[in-house]
Amino acid sequence: MSLRACAVSMVACLALAFACLGESTRPVEKAPSSAAGVGVPEANPVVRDVEDQHADGWSEVQTANFRVFYRQDRELAAQAARVAEQTRLAVLRKWLGEDREEWTARCELYLHETAQAYSRRTGVPACSPGHSSISWTESGSIRRRIDLHCDNPSLLTAILPHECTHAALAGKFGQRRIPPWADEGMAVLTEPDAKVERHLRNLARFHEDNKLFPICDLMAWGNYPSTPDQITAFYAECVSLVRFLSSVRGPQVFTRFVRESMDAGCEHALVRNYGWDIAELELRWQRHEFGEGKAE
């Protein structure tokens, strides 16, 4: 029996869907040679075909750390494999200061032909752009899986990097789930600037409507809000807060803060890494984003 952690959250999947409404009719965007969020390396990972045909018509290409299963477009699968490898390396470098560590078991990446096929095979609503599933075996090894559908135009530029961030961070905090606010904020910051700015525009709107969450509550949550409006506010605030904290002392200090907060609590970890308590963080963040309050 395996310990399930960071598994697909239906609410999280729907939250990503809300951010991607209206994009399903355009062709898939070409993957960039680098990504603004994490600084994707220019290296071109080796992609090789696996000749054995799998059940239900799946074909496979592999890289050092990914097995990409596809049913239609081999070139799209190869592009996805390269983006996955590049994003994985960039995430490890940015947030953890690590380099060429290889996973003991490759992450399985399934590219479903359509949103309907994705939903039929995974049980996740078709409005979700994709999801990642992480589990640990009894021996402590990590199983990573990502499911996406190919009719989302942001597949290569936003959705895949987002889910690869979840996969890359898994296991870096022990056999524990990263707090959702940090996990989602870090993942969204892997996406293109335009996607990040959409969340920040939502932030300003929710601030004006007095619908943002106290930071102490946000950091204490072990799951996601339950309503669409709350989910949108949650993502906006997570992105803003992670971006702010990682800009103050760098991404790797932020990661250390998150790890220590899981052991000793947010207040202790915040004082240790930033010299602030929660109240001062709230004040400084509000001032940074909205020009309000006065930090000493």
Protein backbone atom coordinates (compact mmCIF):
# COMPACT_ATOMS: atom_id res chain seq x y z
CA MET A 1 0.00 0.00 0.00
CA SER A 2 1.43 3.38 -0.98
CA LEU A 3 1.22 6.70 0.85
CA ARG A 4 -0.69 9.12 -1.38
CA ALA A 5 0.57 12.71 -1.30
CA CYS A 6 0.19 15.76 -3.53
CA ALA A 7 -2.38 13.70 -5.43
CA VAL A 8 -4.77 15.24 -7.91
CA SER A 9 -7.07 17.74 -6.23
CA MET A 10 -10.33 18.19 -8.11
CA VAL A 11 -10.56 21.74 -6.80
CA ALA A 12 -7.02 22.53 -7.93
CA CYS A 13 -7.72 21.12 -11.38
CA LEU A 14 -10.83 23.26 -11.70
CA ALA A 15 -8.90 26.29 -10.52
CA LEU A 16 -6.43 25.89 -13.34
CA ALA A 17 -9.35 25.45 -15.71
CA PHE A 18 -10.79 28.84 -14.70
CA ALA A 19 -7.45 30.45 -15.63
CA CYS A 20 -7.50 28.82 -19.07
CA LEU A 21 -11.09 29.41 -20.20
CA GLY A 22 -11.45 30.45 -23.83
CA GLU A 23 -8.16 28.91 -25.01
CA SER A 24 -9.31 25.52 -26.20
CA THR A 25 -10.08 26.53 -29.78
CA ARG A 26 -6.59 27.75 -30.70
CA PRO A 27 -3.72 25.54 -31.88
CA VAL A 28 -1.06 24.47 -29.40
CA GLU A 29 1.46 27.24 -28.83
CA LYS A 30 5.04 26.50 -29.80
CA ALA A 31 7.31 25.79 -26.85
CA PRO A 32 9.80 28.62 -26.27
CA SER A 33 13.54 27.99 -26.05
CA SER A 34 13.40 29.44 -22.54
CA ALA A 35 10.71 30.24 -20.00
CA ALA A 36 10.45 33.51 -18.13
CA GLY A 37 9.38 31.91 -14.89
CA VAL A 38 12.36 29.65 -14.26
CA GLY A 39 14.94 30.42 -16.91
CA VAL A 40 14.73 27.14 -18.82
CA PRO A 41 18.19 25.96 -19.91
CA GLU A 42 18.97 26.01 -23.62
CA ALA A 43 20.18 22.39 -23.59
CA ASN A 44 18.30 20.05 -25.95
CA PRO A 45 17.56 16.81 -24.07
CA VAL A 46 17.93 13.53 -25.96
CA VAL A 47 14.57 11.99 -26.86
CA ARG A 48 14.44 8.36 -27.97
CA ASP A 49 11.58 6.24 -29.26
CA VAL A 50 10.45 3.11 -27.46
CA GLU A 51 9.50 0.64 -30.14
CA ASP A 52 7.26 -1.65 -28.08
CA GLN A 53 3.59 -0.81 -28.56
CA HIS A 54 1.66 -0.40 -25.31
CA ALA A 55 -1.89 -1.40 -24.50
CA ASP A 56 -4.75 0.71 -25.88
CA GLY A 57 -2.61 2.11 -28.69
CA TRP A 58 -0.15 4.17 -26.65
CA SER A 59 3.27 4.88 -28.13
CA GLU A 60 6.20 6.10 -26.04
CA VAL A 61 9.23 8.36 -26.18
CA GLN A 62 11.73 8.67 -23.35
CA THR A 63 14.23 11.09 -21.94
CA ALA A 64 16.49 10.63 -18.92
CA ASN A 65 13.68 11.41 -16.46
CA PHE A 66 10.39 11.14 -18.37
CA ARG A 67 8.34 8.53 -20.20
CA VAL A 68 5.94 10.33 -22.53
CA PHE A 69 2.94 8.31 -23.73
CA TYR A 70 1.01 9.55 -26.75
CA ARG A 71 -1.53 8.28 -29.28
CA GLN A 72 -1.30 10.75 -32.15
CA ASP A 73 1.48 13.27 -32.70
CA ARG A 74 5.02 11.97 -32.16
CA GLU A 75 6.58 15.39 -32.71
CA LEU A 76 4.34 16.97 -30.07
CA ALA A 77 5.32 14.18 -27.68
CA ALA A 78 9.01 14.84 -28.37
CA GLN A 79 8.50 18.57 -27.76
CA ALA A 80 6.70 17.82 -24.51
CA ALA A 81 9.55 15.55 -23.41
CA ARG A 82 12.10 18.31 -24.02
CA VAL A 83 10.03 20.94 -22.22
CA ALA A 84 9.55 18.58 -19.28
CA GLU A 85 13.29 17.92 -18.94
CA GLN A 86 14.22 21.58 -19.33
CA THR A 87 11.58 22.70 -16.82
CA ARG A 88 12.58 20.04 -14.29
CA LEU A 89 16.22 21.14 -14.39
CA ALA A 90 15.36 24.83 -14.22
CA VAL A 91 13.03 24.31 -11.24
CA LEU A 92 15.68 22.35 -9.33
CA ARG A 93 18.26 25.05 -10.03
CA LYS A 94 16.04 27.99 -9.15
CA TRP A 95 14.33 26.77 -5.99
CA LEU A 96 16.86 24.25 -4.62
CA GLY A 97 20.25 25.12 -6.10
CA GLU A 98 20.53 21.58 -7.47
CA ASP A 99 21.74 20.51 -10.88
CA ARG A 100 21.89 17.16 -12.65
CA GLU A 101 20.31 14.82 -10.13
CA GLU A 102 18.39 12.10 -11.98
CA TRP A 103 15.23 10.46 -10.70
CA THR A 104 15.44 6.76 -9.87
CA ALA A 105 12.11 6.20 -11.64
CA ARG A 106 11.00 8.22 -14.66
CA CYS A 107 7.92 10.41 -14.41
CA GLU A 108 5.10 9.11 -16.62
CA LEU A 109 3.59 11.83 -18.79
CA TYR A 110 0.35 10.99 -20.64
CA LEU A 111 -0.76 13.18 -23.54
CA HIS A 112 -4.45 12.53 -24.13
CA GLU A 113 -5.82 13.48 -27.54
CA THR A 114 -8.72 15.62 -26.30
CA ALA A 115 -10.19 16.95 -23.08
CA GLN A 116 -12.96 14.36 -23.38
CA ALA A 117 -10.46 11.49 -23.72
CA TYR A 118 -8.51 12.88 -20.76
CA SER A 119 -11.64 12.99 -18.61
CA ARG A 120 -12.79 9.53 -19.68
CA ARG A 121 -9.47 7.91 -18.80
CA THR A 122 -8.63 9.82 -15.60
CA GLY A 123 -12.01 10.65 -14.11
CA VAL A 124 -11.04 14.34 -13.87
CA PRO A 125 -13.48 16.86 -15.42
CA ALA A 126 -12.73 17.83 -19.02
CA CYS A 127 -12.55 21.51 -18.01
CA SER A 128 -9.29 20.79 -16.20
CA PRO A 129 -6.18 21.44 -18.35
CA GLY A 130 -4.28 18.65 -16.58
CA HIS A 131 -3.03 17.35 -13.27
CA SER A 132 -0.11 15.65 -11.57
CA SER A 133 -0.20 12.69 -9.17
CA ILE A 134 2.54 11.88 -6.70
CA SER A 135 2.80 8.83 -4.45
CA TRP A 136 5.41 7.04 -2.38
CA THR A 137 5.95 3.31 -2.24
CA GLU A 138 6.63 1.48 1.01
CA SER A 139 10.33 1.48 0.11
CA GLY A 140 10.26 5.29 -0.05
CA SER A 141 10.64 5.71 -3.80
CA ILE A 142 8.51 8.33 -5.54
CA ARG A 143 6.04 7.70 -8.33
CA ARG A 144 5.28 10.73 -10.48
CA ARG A 145 2.61 10.95 -13.16
CA ILE A 146 1.29 13.87 -15.21
CA ASP A 147 -1.87 13.76 -17.35
CA LEU A 148 -2.57 16.48 -19.92
CA HIS A 149 -4.64 16.85 -23.08
CA CYS A 150 -3.30 18.01 -26.42
CA ASP A 151 -6.15 20.33 -27.40
CA ASN A 152 -5.12 22.98 -24.85
CA PRO A 153 -3.15 25.67 -26.70
CA SER A 154 -1.06 26.40 -23.60
CA LEU A 155 -0.01 22.77 -23.24
CA LEU A 156 3.72 23.34 -23.84
CA THR A 157 4.06 26.92 -22.65
CA ALA A 158 2.12 26.93 -19.38
CA ILE A 159 0.29 23.75 -18.37
CA LEU A 160 3.19 21.32 -18.75
CA PRO A 161 5.72 23.60 -16.99
CA HIS A 162 3.21 24.11 -14.16
CA GLU A 163 2.69 20.39 -13.60
CA CYS A 164 6.41 19.62 -14.04
CA THR A 165 7.11 22.04 -11.22
CA HIS A 166 4.88 19.99 -8.91
CA ALA A 167 6.68 16.83 -10.00
CA ALA A 168 10.15 18.34 -9.58
CA LEU A 169 9.43 19.64 -6.07
CA ALA A 170 7.92 16.35 -4.88
CA GLY A 171 10.19 14.56 -2.44
CA LYS A 172 12.23 17.67 -1.65
CA PHE A 173 10.26 18.15 1.57
CA GLY A 174 10.26 14.52 2.68
CA GLN A 175 7.23 12.30 2.24
CA ARG A 176 4.98 15.27 2.92
CA ARG A 177 2.73 17.44 0.86
CA ILE A 178 4.11 20.91 0.21
CA PRO A 179 1.68 23.52 1.61
CA PRO A 180 -0.75 24.28 -1.25
CA TRP A 181 -0.12 28.04 -1.16
CA ALA A 182 3.61 27.53 -1.78
CA ASP A 183 3.23 24.63 -4.21
CA GLU A 184 0.78 26.48 -6.46
CA GLY A 185 2.57 29.81 -6.23
CA MET A 186 5.87 28.24 -7.30
CA ALA A 187 4.17 26.32 -10.11
CA VAL A 188 2.36 29.35 -11.54
CA LEU A 189 5.61 31.34 -11.54
CA THR A 190 6.94 28.77 -14.03
CA GLU A 191 4.32 29.93 -16.53
CA PRO A 192 4.72 32.81 -19.01
CA ASP A 193 4.54 36.37 -17.70
CA ALA A 194 1.13 36.95 -19.28
CA LYS A 195 -0.35 34.09 -17.24
CA VAL A 196 1.21 35.40 -14.03
CA GLU A 197 -0.10 38.91 -14.73
CA ARG A 198 -3.62 37.55 -15.11
CA HIS A 199 -3.46 36.26 -11.54
CA LEU A 200 -2.10 39.59 -10.31
CA ARG A 201 -4.95 41.48 -11.98
CA ASN A 202 -7.32 39.21 -10.09
CA LEU A 203 -5.40 40.03 -6.92
CA ALA A 204 -6.13 43.74 -7.29
CA ARG A 205 -9.82 43.05 -7.91
CA PHE A 206 -10.17 40.82 -4.85
CA HIS A 207 -8.28 43.33 -2.74
CA GLU A 208 -10.70 46.07 -3.74
CA ASP A 209 -13.60 43.78 -2.82
CA ASN A 210 -11.95 42.86 0.51
CA LYS A 211 -11.97 39.15 -0.40
CA LEU A 212 -8.33 38.24 0.14
CA PHE A 213 -7.31 35.87 2.94
CA PRO A 214 -5.21 36.74 5.99
CA ILE A 215 -1.72 35.37 5.35
CA CYS A 216 -1.78 33.36 8.59
CA ASP A 217 -4.90 31.54 7.33
CA LEU A 218 -3.50 31.05 3.83
CA MET A 219 -0.31 29.43 5.12
CA ALA A 220 -2.21 27.20 7.55
CA TRP A 221 -4.47 25.60 4.95
CA GLY A 222 -3.77 21.99 4.08
CA ASN A 223 -6.13 22.03 1.11
CA TYR A 224 -7.85 24.33 -1.38
CA PRO A 225 -10.89 26.59 -0.95
CA SER A 226 -14.23 25.17 -1.97
CA THR A 227 -15.83 27.80 -4.22
CA PRO A 228 -14.71 29.12 -7.63
CA ASP A 229 -14.43 32.71 -6.41
CA GLN A 230 -12.33 31.66 -3.43
CA ILE A 231 -10.12 29.49 -5.63
CA THR A 232 -9.37 32.37 -7.97
CA ALA A 233 -8.52 34.62 -5.01
CA PHE A 234 -6.40 31.83 -3.51
CA TYR A 235 -4.29 31.44 -6.66
CA ALA A 236 -3.85 35.19 -7.05
CA GLU A 237 -2.68 35.61 -3.46
CA CYS A 238 -0.40 32.55 -3.58
CA VAL A 239 1.36 33.77 -6.73
CA SER A 240 1.82 37.25 -5.31
CA LEU A 241 3.07 36.06 -1.91
CA VAL A 242 5.55 33.53 -3.32
CA ARG A 243 6.85 36.09 -5.80
CA PHE A 244 7.26 38.67 -3.03
CA LEU A 245 9.02 36.38 -0.56
CA SER A 246 11.32 34.88 -3.17
CA SER A 247 12.30 38.37 -4.32
CA VAL A 248 13.30 39.49 -0.80
CA ARG A 249 16.06 36.97 -0.13
CA GLY A 250 16.03 34.75 -3.20
CA PRO A 251 14.16 31.58 -4.26
CA GLN A 252 16.34 29.17 -2.27
CA VAL A 253 15.84 31.00 1.01
CA PHE A 254 12.12 30.91 0.28
CA THR A 255 12.30 27.13 -0.21
CA ARG A 256 14.18 26.80 3.09
CA PHE A 257 11.50 28.88 4.79
CA VAL A 258 8.76 26.58 3.45
CA ARG A 259 10.64 23.47 4.58
CA GLU A 260 11.24 24.89 8.06
CA SER A 261 7.65 26.06 8.33
CA MET A 262 6.54 22.46 7.82
CA ASP A 263 8.65 21.41 10.80
CA ALA A 264 8.43 24.33 13.22
CA GLY A 265 5.49 26.43 12.04
CA CYS A 266 5.28 29.49 9.80
CA GLU A 267 5.89 32.05 12.51
CA HIS A 268 9.17 30.48 13.67
CA ALA A 269 10.40 29.87 10.11
CA LEU A 270 9.48 33.40 9.07
CA VAL A 271 11.45 35.00 11.90
CA ARG A 272 14.41 32.71 11.27
CA ASN A 273 14.62 33.34 7.53
CA TYR A 274 13.23 36.87 7.13
CA GLY A 275 13.34 38.45 10.57
CA TRP A 276 9.58 39.17 10.50
CA ASP A 277 6.53 37.88 12.27
CA ILE A 278 3.30 37.18 10.39
CA ALA A 279 1.88 40.63 11.14
CA GLU A 280 4.92 42.35 9.67
CA LEU A 281 4.88 40.08 6.62
CA GLU A 282 1.24 41.03 6.05
CA LEU A 283 2.13 44.72 6.36
CA ARG A 284 5.13 44.53 4.03
CA TRP A 285 3.30 42.45 1.45
CA GLN A 286 0.28 44.78 1.44
CA ARG A 287 2.59 47.74 1.04
CA HIS A 288 4.48 46.06 -1.80
CA GLU A 289 1.37 45.06 -3.76
CA PHE A 290 -1.04 47.86 -2.96
CA GLY A 291 1.07 50.69 -1.56
CA GLU A 292 -0.69 50.44 1.78
CA GLY A 293 0.58 50.50 5.33
CA LYS A 294 4.00 51.55 6.53
CA ALA A 295 6.77 49.06 7.22
CA GLU A 296 9.37 50.16 9.72
